[in-house]
N, C-alpha and C. Protein backbone atom coordinates (compact mmCIF):
# COMPACT_ATOMS: atom_id res chain seq x y z
N UNK A 1 0.83 -0.97 -0.22
CA UNK A 1 0.11 -0.54 -0.39
C UNK A 1 0.54 1.22 0.07
N UNK A 2 0.37 1.84 -0.49
CA UNK A 2 1.15 3.93 -0.57
C UNK A 2 1.02 5.13 0.18
N UNK A 3 0.33 4.54 1.61
CA UNK A 3 -0.34 5.27 2.49
C UNK A 3 0.49 6.07 2.55
N UNK A 4 0.13 6.82 3.41
CA UNK A 4 1.43 8.50 4.01
C UNK A 4 0.98 8.81 5.05
N UNK A 5 2.30 9.36 6.07
CA UNK A 5 2.12 10.17 7.14
C UNK A 5 2.44 11.17 6.96
N UNK A 6 1.90 12.01 7.58
CA UNK A 6 1.09 13.87 7.74
C UNK A 6 2.16 14.45 8.89
N UNK A 7 3.11 15.09 8.52
CA UNK A 7 3.83 15.28 10.11
C UNK A 7 3.76 17.18 9.88
N UNK A 8 4.00 17.55 10.44
CA UNK A 8 3.54 19.06 10.72
C UNK A 8 5.01 19.25 11.37
N UNK A 9 5.45 20.38 10.50
CA UNK A 9 6.86 20.66 10.69
C UNK A 9 6.59 22.49 11.36
N UNK A 10 7.57 22.19 12.96
CA UNK A 10 7.74 23.59 13.20
C UNK A 10 8.83 23.82 14.50
N UNK A 11 9.15 24.62 14.19
CA UNK A 11 10.19 25.04 14.88
C UNK A 11 11.23 23.75 14.58
N UNK A 12 11.46 22.98 13.64
CA UNK A 12 12.61 22.76 13.35
C UNK A 12 11.75 21.29 14.37
N UNK A 13 11.14 20.17 14.03
CA UNK A 13 10.44 19.85 15.28
C UNK A 13 9.30 18.64 13.46
N UNK A 14 9.30 17.56 13.92
CA UNK A 14 8.02 17.50 13.13
C UNK A 14 7.20 16.31 14.01
N UNK A 15 6.07 16.83 13.64
CA UNK A 15 4.97 16.38 14.97
C UNK A 15 4.12 15.51 13.65
N UNK A 16 3.85 13.95 13.85
CA UNK A 16 2.75 13.80 13.53
C UNK A 16 1.00 13.74 13.41
N UNK A 17 0.55 14.02 12.06
CA UNK A 17 -0.37 14.45 12.26
C UNK A 17 -1.47 13.64 12.39
N UNK A 18 -1.35 13.10 11.56
CA UNK A 18 -1.82 11.86 10.85
C UNK A 18 -1.20 10.21 9.92
N UNK A 19 -2.22 9.62 10.54
CA UNK A 19 -1.10 8.63 9.53
C UNK A 19 -1.82 7.78 8.76
N UNK A 20 -1.59 6.95 7.62
CA UNK A 20 -2.48 6.38 6.87
C UNK A 20 -3.50 7.08 5.86
N UNK A 21 -3.19 8.39 5.28
CA UNK A 21 -3.28 9.01 4.83
C UNK A 21 -3.27 8.75 3.23
N UNK A 22 -4.73 8.26 2.96
CA UNK A 22 -5.13 8.45 1.51
C UNK A 22 -5.53 9.30 0.37
N UNK A 23 -5.72 10.30 0.91
CA UNK A 23 -6.39 11.48 0.03
C UNK A 23 -6.62 13.05 1.02
N UNK A 24 -5.84 13.77 0.40
CA UNK A 24 -5.65 14.59 1.15
C UNK A 24 -5.99 16.08 -0.67
N UNK A 25 -7.20 16.93 0.03
CA UNK A 25 -7.53 17.37 -0.28
C UNK A 25 -8.08 18.98 -0.50
N UNK A 26 -6.84 20.04 -1.07
CA UNK A 26 -7.11 20.73 -0.45
C UNK A 26 -8.38 21.78 -0.03
N UNK A 27 -8.90 23.17 0.65
CA UNK A 27 -10.30 23.62 0.92
C UNK A 27 -9.83 25.58 1.51
N UNK A 28 -9.23 25.62 0.47
CA UNK A 28 -9.15 27.38 0.39
C UNK A 28 -7.46 27.30 1.26
N UNK A 29 -7.52 27.63 3.46
CA UNK A 29 -6.58 27.71 3.66
C UNK A 29 -6.77 26.40 4.38
N UNK A 30 -7.11 26.04 4.10
CA UNK A 30 -6.77 24.59 4.94
C UNK A 30 -6.43 22.31 3.79
N UNK A 31 -5.90 21.88 4.72
CA UNK A 31 -6.22 20.64 3.66
C UNK A 31 -7.17 19.74 5.20
N UNK A 32 -8.00 19.06 4.36
CA UNK A 32 -8.96 18.19 4.48
C UNK A 32 -7.87 16.70 4.13
N UNK A 33 -7.60 16.30 5.48
CA UNK A 33 -7.19 15.09 5.49
C UNK A 33 -7.61 13.57 5.72
N UNK A 34 -7.34 12.98 4.30
CA UNK A 34 -8.24 11.73 4.80
C UNK A 34 -8.03 9.86 4.53
N UNK A 35 -7.90 9.19 6.09
CA UNK A 35 -6.67 8.16 6.28
C UNK A 35 -8.25 6.84 5.40
N UNK A 36 -7.74 5.42 5.75
CA UNK A 36 -8.03 4.73 4.86
C UNK A 36 -9.29 3.93 5.25
N UNK A 37 -9.81 4.69 6.29
CA UNK A 37 -11.14 4.13 7.14
C UNK A 37 -11.50 5.84 6.86
N UNK A 38 -12.00 6.95 6.38
CA UNK A 38 -12.67 7.79 5.70
C UNK A 38 -12.73 8.69 6.90
N UNK A 39 -12.09 8.72 7.62
CA UNK A 39 -11.72 9.65 9.39
C UNK A 39 -10.72 10.94 8.20
N UNK A 40 -11.76 11.62 8.99
CA UNK A 40 -11.08 13.07 8.23
C UNK A 40 -10.66 13.72 9.21
N UNK A 41 -8.94 14.54 8.85
CA UNK A 41 -8.93 15.65 9.91
C UNK A 41 -8.69 16.73 9.15
N UNK A 42 -9.43 18.19 9.52
CA UNK A 42 -8.75 19.65 8.84
C UNK A 42 -8.17 19.73 9.06
N UNK A 43 -6.82 20.87 8.97
CA UNK A 43 -5.66 21.53 9.69
C UNK A 43 -5.77 22.68 9.10
N UNK A 44 -5.13 23.87 9.30
CA UNK A 44 -4.78 25.40 8.80
C UNK A 44 -3.33 24.64 8.81
N UNK A 45 -3.30 24.47 7.56
CA UNK A 45 -1.86 24.20 7.20
C UNK A 45 -1.94 24.40 5.62
N UNK A 46 -0.06 24.36 4.86
CA UNK A 46 -0.34 23.89 3.50
C UNK A 46 1.02 23.49 3.48
N UNK A 47 1.42 22.42 2.66
CA UNK A 47 1.92 22.35 2.15
C UNK A 47 3.85 22.52 1.75
N UNK A 48 4.72 21.46 2.31
CA UNK A 48 6.16 21.80 2.59
C UNK A 48 7.04 21.18 1.88
N UNK A 49 6.78 20.10 1.92
CA UNK A 49 7.80 19.05 1.22
C UNK A 49 6.60 17.58 0.47
N UNK A 50 6.68 17.31 -0.18
CA UNK A 50 6.71 15.80 -0.69
C UNK A 50 7.56 15.06 -0.34
N UNK A 51 8.00 13.44 0.37
CA UNK A 51 8.73 12.95 0.22
C UNK A 51 8.35 12.12 0.16
N UNK A 52 7.59 10.86 -1.57
CA UNK A 52 7.53 10.08 -1.64
C UNK A 52 7.30 8.50 -1.56
N UNK A 53 8.82 8.36 -2.11
CA UNK A 53 9.33 7.83 -1.76
C UNK A 53 9.53 6.52 -0.10
N UNK A 54 9.95 8.01 0.85
CA UNK A 54 9.23 7.96 2.14
C UNK A 54 7.99 7.60 2.59
N UNK A 55 7.34 8.01 2.12
CA UNK A 55 5.60 7.93 2.02
C UNK A 55 5.49 9.13 3.06
N UNK A 56 6.21 10.06 2.99
CA UNK A 56 5.49 11.49 3.76
C UNK A 56 5.65 12.50 3.26
N UNK A 57 3.89 13.21 3.99
CA UNK A 57 4.39 14.73 3.86
C UNK A 57 4.57 15.82 4.36
N UNK A 58 4.96 16.91 4.08
CA UNK A 58 5.43 17.83 5.31
C UNK A 58 4.41 19.28 5.07
N UNK A 59 3.71 19.59 6.27
CA UNK A 59 3.32 20.84 6.31
C UNK A 59 3.34 21.43 7.05
N UNK A 60 3.15 23.16 6.72
CA UNK A 60 3.64 24.04 7.94
C UNK A 60 2.83 24.51 8.38
N UNK A 61 2.50 25.42 9.33
CA UNK A 61 1.02 26.06 9.90
C UNK A 61 1.05 27.23 9.31
N UNK A 62 0.12 28.21 9.30
CA UNK A 62 0.04 29.57 8.87
C UNK A 62 0.57 30.40 9.80
């Protein structure tokens, strides 16, 4: 499977926001993260970096 883990980059630290993310949908200034089971998390963040070979997505807060 190719699920991703989304991390928040803050003050040089990586904080896990959500694991097993299957879909990321932009919604204005927010991102809607959806996992394999359909659970959603809405975060005020923007994409910073994608590391697809490592299955990681990094976002930053506003």
